[in-house]
PDB file of all heavy atoms in Angstrom:
ATOM      1  N   ASN A   1      37.078  -1.635  27.110  1.00  0.00           N
ATOM      2  CA  ASN A   1      38.028  -0.810  26.373  1.00  0.00           C
ATOM      3  C   ASN A   1      39.309  -1.501  25.945  1.00  0.00           C
ATOM      4  O   ASN A   1      40.289  -0.844  25.682  1.00  0.00           O
ATOM      5  CB  ASN A   1      38.397   0.412  27.211  1.00  0.00           C
ATOM      6  CG  ASN A   1      37.200   1.260  27.528  1.00  0.00           C
ATOM      7  OD1 ASN A   1      36.252   1.315  26.747  1.00  0.00           O
ATOM      8  ND2 ASN A   1      37.217   1.913  28.659  1.00  0.00           N
ATOM      9  N   TYR A   2      39.319  -2.818  25.906  1.00  0.00           N
ATOM     10  CA  TYR A   2      40.565  -3.451  25.492  1.00  0.00           C
ATOM     11  C   TYR A   2      40.294  -4.772  24.789  1.00  0.00           C
ATOM     12  O   TYR A   2      39.248  -5.378  24.944  1.00  0.00           O
ATOM     13  CB  TYR A   2      41.488  -3.632  26.701  1.00  0.00           C
ATOM     14  CG  TYR A   2      41.411  -4.974  27.355  1.00  0.00           C
ATOM     15  CD1 TYR A   2      42.435  -5.886  27.178  1.00  0.00           C
ATOM     16  CD2 TYR A   2      40.318  -5.352  28.115  1.00  0.00           C
ATOM     17  CE1 TYR A   2      42.364  -7.134  27.759  1.00  0.00           C
ATOM     18  CE2 TYR A   2      40.252  -6.593  28.700  1.00  0.00           C
ATOM     19  CZ  TYR A   2      41.279  -7.478  28.518  1.00  0.00           C
ATOM     20  OH  TYR A   2      41.217  -8.704  29.091  1.00  0.00           O
ATOM     21  N   LEU A   3      41.281  -5.196  24.036  1.00  0.00           N
ATOM     22  CA  LEU A   3      41.240  -6.471  23.325  1.00  0.00           C
ATOM     23  C   LEU A   3      41.730  -7.560  24.284  1.00  0.00           C
ATOM     24  O   LEU A   3      42.825  -7.470  24.826  1.00  0.00           O
ATOM     25  CB  LEU A   3      42.156  -6.406  22.095  1.00  0.00           C
ATOM     26  CG  LEU A   3      42.221  -7.628  21.209  1.00  0.00           C
ATOM     27  CD1 LEU A   3      40.853  -7.913  20.601  1.00  0.00           C
ATOM     28  CD2 LEU A   3      43.244  -7.411  20.114  1.00  0.00           C
ATOM     29  N   MET A   4      40.921  -8.575  24.516  1.00  0.00           N
ATOM     30  CA  MET A   4      41.236  -9.580  25.547  1.00  0.00           C
ATOM     31  C   MET A   4      42.528 -10.340  25.288  1.00  0.00           C
ATOM     32  O   MET A   4      43.184 -10.758  26.228  1.00  0.00           O
ATOM     33  CB  MET A   4      40.081 -10.561  25.690  1.00  0.00           C
ATOM     34  CG  MET A   4      39.015 -10.057  26.581  1.00  0.00           C
ATOM     35  SD  MET A   4      38.008 -11.390  27.137  1.00  0.00           S
ATOM     36  CE  MET A   4      36.417 -10.675  26.964  1.00  0.00           C
ATOM     37  N   GLU A   5      42.900 -10.540  24.053  1.00  0.00           N
ATOM     38  CA  GLU A   5      44.103 -11.301  23.763  1.00  0.00           C
ATOM     39  C   GLU A   5      45.377 -10.513  24.039  1.00  0.00           C
ATOM     40  O   GLU A   5      46.457 -11.085  24.109  1.00  0.00           O
ATOM     41  CB  GLU A   5      44.098 -11.770  22.297  1.00  0.00           C
ATOM     42  CG  GLU A   5      43.099 -12.862  22.013  1.00  0.00           C
ATOM     43  CD  GLU A   5      41.664 -12.369  21.912  1.00  0.00           C
ATOM     44  OE1 GLU A   5      41.461 -11.161  21.666  1.00  0.00           O
ATOM     45  OE2 GLU A   5      40.754 -13.183  22.106  1.00  0.00           O
ATOM     46  N   ASP A   6      45.267  -9.204  24.166  1.00  0.00           N
ATOM     47  CA  ASP A   6      46.413  -8.355  24.449  1.00  0.00           C
ATOM     48  C   ASP A   6      46.889  -8.609  25.871  1.00  0.00           C
ATOM     49  O   ASP A   6      46.117  -8.532  26.813  1.00  0.00           O
ATOM     50  CB  ASP A   6      46.026  -6.890  24.265  1.00  0.00           C
ATOM     51  CG  ASP A   6      47.187  -5.957  24.463  1.00  0.00           C
ATOM     52  OD1 ASP A   6      48.342  -6.386  24.279  1.00  0.00           O
ATOM     53  OD2 ASP A   6      46.941  -4.781  24.807  1.00  0.00           O
ATOM     54  N   LEU A   7      48.159  -8.906  26.042  1.00  0.00           N
ATOM     55  CA  LEU A   7      48.713  -9.221  27.355  1.00  0.00           C
ATOM     56  C   LEU A   7      49.320  -8.011  28.044  1.00  0.00           C
ATOM     57  O   LEU A   7      49.532  -8.025  29.259  1.00  0.00           O
ATOM     58  CB  LEU A   7      49.761 -10.329  27.199  1.00  0.00           C
ATOM     59  CG  LEU A   7      50.260 -11.002  28.445  1.00  0.00           C
ATOM     60  CD1 LEU A   7      49.105 -11.669  29.190  1.00  0.00           C
ATOM     61  CD2 LEU A   7      51.317 -12.025  28.105  1.00  0.00           C
ATOM     62  N   LEU A   8      49.562  -6.944  27.302  1.00  0.00           N
ATOM     63  CA  LEU A   8      50.217  -5.770  27.877  1.00  0.00           C
ATOM     64  C   LEU A   8      49.357  -5.091  28.940  1.00  0.00           C
ATOM     65  O   LEU A   8      49.856  -4.744  30.016  1.00  0.00           O
ATOM     66  CB  LEU A   8      50.568  -4.775  26.761  1.00  0.00           C
ATOM     67  CG  LEU A   8      51.368  -3.556  27.187  1.00  0.00           C
ATOM     68  CD1 LEU A   8      52.699  -3.983  27.782  1.00  0.00           C
ATOM     69  CD2 LEU A   8      51.600  -2.649  26.002  1.00  0.00           C
ATOM     70  N   LEU A   9      48.078  -4.909  28.674  1.00  0.00           N
ATOM     71  CA  LEU A   9      47.210  -4.255  29.649  1.00  0.00           C
ATOM     72  C   LEU A   9      47.069  -5.062  30.936  1.00  0.00           C
ATOM     73  O   LEU A   9      47.210  -4.494  32.031  1.00  0.00           O
ATOM     74  CB  LEU A   9      45.842  -3.948  29.044  1.00  0.00           C
ATOM     75  CG  LEU A   9      44.902  -3.174  29.961  1.00  0.00           C
ATOM     76  CD1 LEU A   9      45.449  -1.791  30.274  1.00  0.00           C
ATOM     77  CD2 LEU A   9      43.527  -3.076  29.339  1.00  0.00           C
ATOM     78  N   PRO A  10      46.821  -6.376  30.897  1.00  0.00           N
ATOM     79  CA  PRO A  10      46.763  -7.124  32.159  1.00  0.00           C
ATOM     80  C   PRO A  10      48.055  -7.070  32.964  1.00  0.00           C
ATOM     81  O   PRO A  10      48.017  -6.991  34.189  1.00  0.00           O
ATOM     82  CB  PRO A  10      46.452  -8.554  31.721  1.00  0.00           C
ATOM     83  CG  PRO A  10      45.785  -8.411  30.411  1.00  0.00           C
ATOM     84  CD  PRO A  10      46.398  -7.205  29.767  1.00  0.00           C
ATOM     85  N   VAL A  11      49.205  -7.092  32.292  1.00  0.00           N
ATOM     86  CA  VAL A  11      50.478  -7.008  33.010  1.00  0.00           C
ATOM     87  C   VAL A  11      50.625  -5.631  33.656  1.00  0.00           C
ATOM     88  O   VAL A  11      51.060  -5.523  34.807  1.00  0.00           O
ATOM     89  CB  VAL A  11      51.665  -7.335  32.071  1.00  0.00           C
ATOM     90  CG1 VAL A  11      52.991  -6.971  32.706  1.00  0.00           C
ATOM     91  CG2 VAL A  11      51.640  -8.806  31.702  1.00  0.00           C
ATOM     92  N   ALA A  12      50.248  -4.587  32.939  1.00  0.00           N
ATOM     93  CA  ALA A  12      50.314  -3.242  33.519  1.00  0.00           C
ATOM     94  C   ALA A  12      49.344  -3.099  34.685  1.00  0.00           C
ATOM     95  O   ALA A  12      49.687  -2.540  35.731  1.00  0.00           O
ATOM     96  CB  ALA A  12      50.012  -2.201  32.441  1.00  0.00           C
ATOM     97  N   ILE A  13      48.138  -3.627  34.527  1.00  0.00           N
ATOM     98  CA  ILE A  13      47.138  -3.528  35.589  1.00  0.00           C
ATOM     99  C   ILE A  13      47.565  -4.323  36.816  1.00  0.00           C
ATOM    100  O   ILE A  13      47.450  -3.835  37.944  1.00  0.00           O
ATOM    101  CB  ILE A  13      45.760  -3.998  35.075  1.00  0.00           C
ATOM    102  CG1 ILE A  13      45.200  -2.985  34.094  1.00  0.00           C
ATOM    103  CG2 ILE A  13      44.791  -4.184  36.234  1.00  0.00           C
ATOM    104  CD1 ILE A  13      43.929  -3.437  33.412  1.00  0.00           C
ATOM    105  N   ILE A  14      48.077  -5.536  36.631  1.00  0.00           N
ATOM    106  CA  ILE A  14      48.476  -6.340  37.788  1.00  0.00           C
ATOM    107  C   ILE A  14      49.667  -5.709  38.492  1.00  0.00           C
ATOM    108  O   ILE A  14      49.802  -5.837  39.711  1.00  0.00           O
ATOM    109  CB  ILE A  14      48.743  -7.825  37.410  1.00  0.00           C
ATOM    110  CG1 ILE A  14      48.658  -8.724  38.656  1.00  0.00           C
ATOM    111  CG2 ILE A  14      50.104  -8.000  36.781  1.00  0.00           C
ATOM    112  CD1 ILE A  14      47.341  -8.849  39.270  1.00  0.00           C
ATOM    113  N   SER A  15      50.517  -5.011  37.757  1.00  0.00           N
ATOM    114  CA  SER A  15      51.638  -4.312  38.386  1.00  0.00           C
ATOM    115  C   SER A  15      51.130  -3.244  39.340  1.00  0.00           C
ATOM    116  O   SER A  15      51.593  -3.141  40.482  1.00  0.00           O
ATOM    117  CB  SER A  15      52.536  -3.672  37.329  1.00  0.00           C
ATOM    118  OG  SER A  15      53.046  -4.632  36.462  1.00  0.00           O
ATOM    119  N   VAL A  16      50.178  -2.461  38.877  1.00  0.00           N
ATOM    120  CA  VAL A  16      49.599  -1.418  39.723  1.00  0.00           C
ATOM    121  C   VAL A  16      48.809  -2.047  40.874  1.00  0.00           C
ATOM    122  O   VAL A  16      48.933  -1.623  42.030  1.00  0.00           O
ATOM    123  CB  VAL A  16      48.698  -0.471  38.883  1.00  0.00           C
ATOM    124  CG1 VAL A  16      47.940   0.499  39.764  1.00  0.00           C
ATOM    125  CG2 VAL A  16      49.536   0.267  37.850  1.00  0.00           C
ATOM    126  N   ASP A  17      48.026  -3.081  40.570  1.00  0.00           N
ATOM    127  CA  ASP A  17      47.231  -3.754  41.603  1.00  0.00           C
ATOM    128  C   ASP A  17      48.114  -4.333  42.702  1.00  0.00           C
ATOM    129  O   ASP A  17      47.825  -4.163  43.889  1.00  0.00           O
ATOM    130  CB  ASP A  17      46.394  -4.878  41.007  1.00  0.00           C
ATOM    131  CG  ASP A  17      45.246  -4.385  40.150  1.00  0.00           C
ATOM    132  OD1 ASP A  17      44.949  -3.176  40.186  1.00  0.00           O
ATOM    133  OD2 ASP A  17      44.647  -5.218  39.447  1.00  0.00           O
ATOM    134  N   GLU A  18      49.156  -5.028  42.318  1.00  0.00           N
ATOM    135  CA  GLU A  18      50.037  -5.657  43.306  1.00  0.00           C
ATOM    136  C   GLU A  18      50.760  -4.612  44.151  1.00  0.00           C
ATOM    137  O   GLU A  18      50.902  -4.777  45.357  1.00  0.00           O
ATOM    138  CB  GLU A  18      51.052  -6.573  42.611  1.00  0.00           C
ATOM    139  CG  GLU A  18      52.033  -7.251  43.538  1.00  0.00           C
ATOM    140  CD  GLU A  18      51.411  -8.285  44.461  1.00  0.00           C
ATOM    141  OE1 GLU A  18      50.318  -8.800  44.171  1.00  0.00           O
ATOM    142  OE2 GLU A  18      52.038  -8.593  45.492  1.00  0.00           O
ATOM    143  N   PHE A  19      51.196  -3.527  43.513  1.00  0.00           N
ATOM    144  CA  PHE A  19      51.867  -2.477  44.272  1.00  0.00           C
ATOM    145  C   PHE A  19      50.908  -1.851  45.283  1.00  0.00           C
ATOM    146  O   PHE A  19      51.263  -1.658  46.452  1.00  0.00           O
ATOM    147  CB  PHE A  19      52.435  -1.402  43.340  1.00  0.00           C
ATOM    148  CG  PHE A  19      53.212  -0.354  44.082  1.00  0.00           C
ATOM    149  CD1 PHE A  19      54.505  -0.625  44.512  1.00  0.00           C
ATOM    150  CD2 PHE A  19      52.651   0.878  44.367  1.00  0.00           C
ATOM    151  CE1 PHE A  19      55.230   0.343  45.209  1.00  0.00           C
ATOM    152  CE2 PHE A  19      53.362   1.838  45.067  1.00  0.00           C
ATOM    153  CZ  PHE A  19      54.656   1.565  45.484  1.00  0.00           C
ATOM    154  N   ILE A  20      49.690  -1.552  44.854  1.00  0.00           N
ATOM    155  CA  ILE A  20      48.692  -0.985  45.764  1.00  0.00           C
ATOM    156  C   ILE A  20      48.366  -1.977  46.873  1.00  0.00           C
ATOM    157  O   ILE A  20      48.278  -1.599  48.051  1.00  0.00           O
ATOM    158  CB  ILE A  20      47.422  -0.566  44.988  1.00  0.00           C
ATOM    159  CG1 ILE A  20      47.724   0.651  44.115  1.00  0.00           C
ATOM    160  CG2 ILE A  20      46.259  -0.288  45.926  1.00  0.00           C
ATOM    161  CD1 ILE A  20      46.628   1.002  43.135  1.00  0.00           C
ATOM    162  N   PHE A  21      48.198  -3.240  46.531  1.00  0.00           N
ATOM    163  CA  PHE A  21      47.895  -4.268  47.516  1.00  0.00           C
ATOM    164  C   PHE A  21      48.998  -4.346  48.566  1.00  0.00           C
ATOM    165  O   PHE A  21      48.734  -4.316  49.772  1.00  0.00           O
ATOM    166  CB  PHE A  21      47.718  -5.616  46.813  1.00  0.00           C
ATOM    167  CG  PHE A  21      47.367  -6.734  47.738  1.00  0.00           C
ATOM    168  CD1 PHE A  21      46.050  -6.950  48.105  1.00  0.00           C
ATOM    169  CD2 PHE A  21      48.354  -7.568  48.250  1.00  0.00           C
ATOM    170  CE1 PHE A  21      45.719  -7.983  48.965  1.00  0.00           C
ATOM    171  CE2 PHE A  21      48.032  -8.598  49.108  1.00  0.00           C
ATOM    172  CZ  PHE A  21      46.704  -8.800  49.468  1.00  0.00           C
ATOM    173  N   GLU A  22      50.243  -4.442  48.118  1.00  0.00           N
ATOM    174  CA  GLU A  22      51.371  -4.545  49.053  1.00  0.00           C
ATOM    175  C   GLU A  22      51.547  -3.258  49.859  1.00  0.00           C
ATOM    176  O   GLU A  22      51.962  -3.314  51.019  1.00  0.00           O
ATOM    177  CB  GLU A  22      52.660  -4.886  48.301  1.00  0.00           C
ATOM    178  CG  GLU A  22      52.685  -6.273  47.713  1.00  0.00           C
ATOM    179  CD  GLU A  22      52.636  -7.377  48.752  1.00  0.00           C
ATOM    180  OE1 GLU A  22      53.112  -7.168  49.892  1.00  0.00           O
ATOM    181  OE2 GLU A  22      52.113  -8.456  48.432  1.00  0.00           O
ATOM    182  N   LEU A  23      51.236  -2.119  49.268  1.00  0.00           N
ATOM    183  CA  LEU A  23      51.311  -0.855  49.993  1.00  0.00           C
ATOM    184  C   LEU A  23      50.303  -0.827  51.136  1.00  0.00           C
ATOM    185  O   LEU A  23      50.630  -0.435  52.256  1.00  0.00           O
ATOM    186  CB  LEU A  23      51.065   0.316  49.032  1.00  0.00           C
ATOM    187  CG  LEU A  23      51.242   1.720  49.596  1.00  0.00           C
ATOM    188  CD1 LEU A  23      52.691   1.936  50.024  1.00  0.00           C
ATOM    189  CD2 LEU A  23      50.836   2.744  48.556  1.00  0.00           C
ATOM    190  N   PHE A  24      49.087  -1.278  50.874  1.00  0.00           N
ATOM    191  CA  PHE A  24      48.082  -1.331  51.932  1.00  0.00           C
ATOM    192  C   PHE A  24      48.445  -2.361  53.005  1.00  0.00           C
ATOM    193  O   PHE A  24      48.205  -2.130  54.187  1.00  0.00           O
ATOM    194  CB  PHE A  24      46.693  -1.606  51.355  1.00  0.00           C
ATOM    195  CG  PHE A  24      45.998  -0.370  50.895  1.00  0.00           C
ATOM    196  CD1 PHE A  24      46.030  -0.010  49.561  1.00  0.00           C
ATOM    197  CD2 PHE A  24      45.326   0.442  51.792  1.00  0.00           C
ATOM    198  CE1 PHE A  24      45.398   1.138  49.125  1.00  0.00           C
ATOM    199  CE2 PHE A  24      44.692   1.595  51.368  1.00  0.00           C
ATOM    200  CZ  PHE A  24      44.721   1.949  50.030  1.00  0.00           C
ATOM    201  N   VAL A  25      49.023  -3.477  52.601  1.00  0.00           N
ATOM    202  CA  VAL A  25      49.477  -4.468  53.585  1.00  0.00           C
ATOM    203  C   VAL A  25      50.592  -3.873  54.443  1.00  0.00           C
ATOM    204  O   VAL A  25      50.616  -4.045  55.665  1.00  0.00           O
ATOM    205  CB  VAL A  25      49.942  -5.768  52.887  1.00  0.00           C
ATOM    206  CG1 VAL A  25      50.665  -6.688  53.847  1.00  0.00           C
ATOM    207  CG2 VAL A  25      48.751  -6.468  52.264  1.00  0.00           C
ATOM    208  N   TYR A  26      51.507  -3.136  53.823  1.00  0.00           N
ATOM    209  CA  TYR A  26      52.576  -2.475  54.575  1.00  0.00           C
ATOM    210  C   TYR A  26      51.997  -1.470  55.567  1.00  0.00           C
ATOM    211  O   TYR A  26      52.393  -1.450  56.729  1.00  0.00           O
ATOM    212  CB  TYR A  26      53.551  -1.780  53.620  1.00  0.00           C
ATOM    213  CG  TYR A  26      54.522  -0.869  54.344  1.00  0.00           C
ATOM    214  CD1 TYR A  26      55.593  -1.404  55.051  1.00  0.00           C
ATOM    215  CD2 TYR A  26      54.344   0.507  54.342  1.00  0.00           C
ATOM    216  CE1 TYR A  26      56.469  -0.585  55.735  1.00  0.00           C
ATOM    217  CE2 TYR A  26      55.216   1.328  55.018  1.00  0.00           C
ATOM    218  CZ  TYR A  26      56.280   0.787  55.710  1.00  0.00           C
ATOM    219  OH  TYR A  26      57.139   1.595  56.395  1.00  0.00           O
ATOM    220  N   ILE A  27      51.057  -0.660  55.115  1.00  0.00           N
ATOM    221  CA  ILE A  27      50.461   0.343  56.001  1.00  0.00           C
ATOM    222  C   ILE A  27      49.757  -0.335  57.171  1.00  0.00           C
ATOM    223  O   ILE A  27      49.941   0.050  58.328  1.00  0.00           O
ATOM    224  CB  ILE A  27      49.493   1.253  55.215  1.00  0.00           C
ATOM    225  CG1 ILE A  27      50.276   2.152  54.265  1.00  0.00           C
ATOM    226  CG2 ILE A  27      48.636   2.095  56.169  1.00  0.00           C
ATOM    227  CD1 ILE A  27      49.409   2.902  53.263  1.00  0.00           C
ATOM    228  N   GLY A  28      48.968  -1.361  56.887  1.00  0.00           N
ATOM    229  CA  GLY A  28      48.226  -2.035  57.942  1.00  0.00           C
ATOM    230  C   GLY A  28      49.074  -2.892  58.860  1.00  0.00           C
ATOM    231  O   GLY A  28      48.808  -3.006  60.056  1.00  0.00           O
ATOM    232  N   SER A  29      50.112  -3.503  58.329  1.00  0.00           N
ATOM    233  CA  SER A  29      50.900  -4.440  59.121  1.00  0.00           C
ATOM    234  C   SER A  29      52.143  -3.829  59.758  1.00  0.00           C
ATOM    235  O   SER A  29      52.595  -4.307  60.788  1.00  0.00           O
ATOM    236  CB  SER A  29      51.343  -5.622  58.254  1.00  0.00           C
ATOM    237  OG  SER A  29      50.231  -6.302  57.755  1.00  0.00           O
ATOM    238  N   PHE A  30      52.713  -2.814  59.143  1.00  0.00           N
ATOM    239  CA  PHE A  30      53.982  -2.298  59.632  1.00  0.00           C
ATOM    240  C   PHE A  30      53.925  -0.825  60.034  1.00  0.00           C
ATOM    241  O   PHE A  30      54.330  -0.459  61.130  1.00  0.00           O
ATOM    242  CB  PHE A  30      55.085  -2.502  58.579  1.00  0.00           C
ATOM    243  CG  PHE A  30      55.317  -3.934  58.250  1.00  0.00           C
ATOM    244  CD1 PHE A  30      54.825  -4.482  57.083  1.00  0.00           C
ATOM    245  CD2 PHE A  30      56.027  -4.746  59.119  1.00  0.00           C
ATOM    246  CE1 PHE A  30      55.038  -5.813  56.784  1.00  0.00           C
ATOM    247  CE2 PHE A  30      56.238  -6.084  58.828  1.00  0.00           C
ATOM    248  CZ  PHE A  30      55.747  -6.616  57.654  1.00  0.00           C
ATOM    249  N   LEU A  31      53.444   0.017  59.164  1.00  0.00           N
ATOM    250  CA  LEU A  31      53.478   1.454  59.420  1.00  0.00           C
ATOM    251  C   LEU A  31      52.647   1.833  60.642  1.00  0.00           C
ATOM    252  O   LEU A  31      53.083   2.627  61.471  1.00  0.00           O
ATOM    253  CB  LEU A  31      52.994   2.227  58.194  1.00  0.00           C
ATOM    254  CG  LEU A  31      53.160   3.739  58.243  1.00  0.00           C
ATOM    255  CD1 LEU A  31      54.647   4.105  58.346  1.00  0.00           C
ATOM    256  CD2 LEU A  31      52.555   4.385  57.020  1.00  0.00           C
ATOM    257  N   LEU A  32      51.472   1.252  60.771  1.00  0.00           N
ATOM    258  CA  LEU A  32      50.625   1.562  61.924  1.00  0.00           C
ATOM    259  C   LEU A  32      51.195   1.025  63.237  1.00  0.00           C
ATOM    260  O   LEU A  32      50.786   1.457  64.309  1.00  0.00           O
ATOM    261  CB  LEU A  32      49.209   1.031  61.705  1.00  0.00           C
ATOM    262  CG  LEU A  32      48.420   1.711  60.589  1.00  0.00           C
ATOM    263  CD1 LEU A  32      47.060   1.050  60.411  1.00  0.00           C
ATOM    264  CD2 LEU A  32      48.248   3.195  60.857  1.00  0.00           C
ATOM    265  N   LYS A  33      52.145   0.112  63.142  1.00  0.00           N
ATOM    266  CA  LYS A  33      52.802  -0.424  64.338  1.00  0.00           C
ATOM    267  C   LYS A  33      54.128   0.263  64.620  1.00  0.00           C
ATOM    268  O   LYS A  33      54.874  -0.157  65.497  1.00  0.00           O
ATOM    269  CB  LYS A  33      53.004  -1.925  64.185  1.00  0.00           C
ATOM    270  CG  LYS A  33      51.698  -2.683  64.125  1.00  0.00           C
ATOM    271  CD  LYS A  33      51.915  -4.148  63.917  1.00  0.00           C
ATOM    272  CE  LYS A  33      50.562  -4.841  63.806  1.00  0.00           C
ATOM    273  NZ  LYS A  33      50.685  -6.242  63.461  1.00  0.00           N
ATOM    274  N   GLY A  34      54.451   1.287  63.836  1.00  0.00           N
ATOM    275  CA  GLY A  34      55.648   2.073  64.100  1.00  0.00           C
ATOM    276  C   GLY A  34      56.852   1.756  63.249  1.00  0.00           C
ATOM    277  O   GLY A  34      57.880   2.404  63.368  1.00  0.00           O
ATOM    278  N   ASP A  35      56.781   0.772  62.382  1.00  0.00           N
ATOM    279  CA  ASP A  35      57.903   0.434  61.508  1.00  0.00           C
ATOM    280  C   ASP A  35      57.860   1.343  60.289  1.00  0.00           C
ATOM    281  O   ASP A  35      56.983   1.228  59.439  1.00  0.00           O
ATOM    282  CB  ASP A  35      57.814  -1.029  61.085  1.00  0.00           C
ATOM    283  CG  ASP A  35      58.986  -1.460  60.220  1.00  0.00           C
ATOM    284  OD1 ASP A  35      59.916  -0.669  60.020  1.00  0.00           O
ATOM    285  OD2 ASP A  35      58.962  -2.616  59.749  1.00  0.00           O
ATOM    286  N   THR A  36      58.809   2.247  60.197  1.00  0.00           N
ATOM    287  CA  THR A  36      58.786   3.229  59.106  1.00  0.00           C
ATOM    288  C   THR A  36      59.848   2.948  58.037  1.00  0.00           C
ATOM    289  O   THR A  36      60.192   3.818  57.264  1.00  0.00           O
ATOM    290  CB  THR A  36      59.003   4.649  59.663  1.00  0.00           C
ATOM    291  OG1 THR A  36      60.246   4.680  60.382  1.00  0.00           O
ATOM    292  CG2 THR A  36      57.867   5.051  60.561  1.00  0.00           C
ATOM    293  N   GLY A  37      60.360   1.744  57.977  1.00  0.00           N
ATOM    294  CA  GLY A  37      61.388   1.400  56.994  1.00  0.00           C
ATOM    295  C   GLY A  37      60.783   1.010  55.659  1.00  0.00           C
ATOM    296  O   GLY A  37      60.922  -0.135  55.229  1.00  0.00           O
ATOM    297  N   PHE A  38      60.125   1.957  54.997  1.00  0.00           N
ATOM    298  CA  PHE A  38      59.447   1.644  53.741  1.00  0.00           C
ATOM    299  C   PHE A  38      60.425   1.244  52.646  1.00  0.00           C
ATOM    300  O   PHE A  38      60.156   0.324  51.880  1.00  0.00           O
ATOM    301  CB  PHE A  38      58.588   2.821  53.278  1.00  0.00           C
ATOM    302  CG  PHE A  38      57.897   2.554  51.970  1.00  0.00           C
ATOM    303  CD1 PHE A  38      56.849   1.656  51.910  1.00  0.00           C
ATOM    304  CD2 PHE A  38      58.309   3.160  50.798  1.00  0.00           C
ATOM    305  CE1 PHE A  38      56.208   1.376  50.708  1.00  0.00           C
ATOM    306  CE2 PHE A  38      57.688   2.890  49.595  1.00  0.00           C
ATOM    307  CZ  PHE A  38      56.629   2.001  49.556  1.00  0.00           C
ATOM    308  N   LYS A  39      61.555   1.926  52.566  1.00  0.00           N
ATOM    309  CA  LYS A  39      62.511   1.626  51.497  1.00  0.00           C
ATOM    310  C   LYS A  39      63.000   0.179  51.601  1.00  0.00           C
ATOM    311  O   LYS A  39      63.066  -0.532  50.599  1.00  0.00           O
ATOM    312  CB  LYS A  39      63.689   2.584  51.555  1.00  0.00           C
ATOM    313  CG  LYS A  39      64.680   2.396  50.433  1.00  0.00           C
ATOM    314  CD  LYS A  39      65.803   3.400  50.502  1.00  0.00           C
ATOM    315  CE  LYS A  39      66.800   3.150  49.391  1.00  0.00           C
ATOM    316  NZ  LYS A  39      67.938   4.070  49.463  1.00  0.00           N
TER     317      LYS A  39
END
């Protein structure tokens, strides 16, 4: 569904991917150990 030369979609997708990735790392590494300083 996209034109490969377009850079906007990959940048938007990697933004969401990285945020989700870091969120899961935070949950697994910090939140489950009691560190609730998400901000």
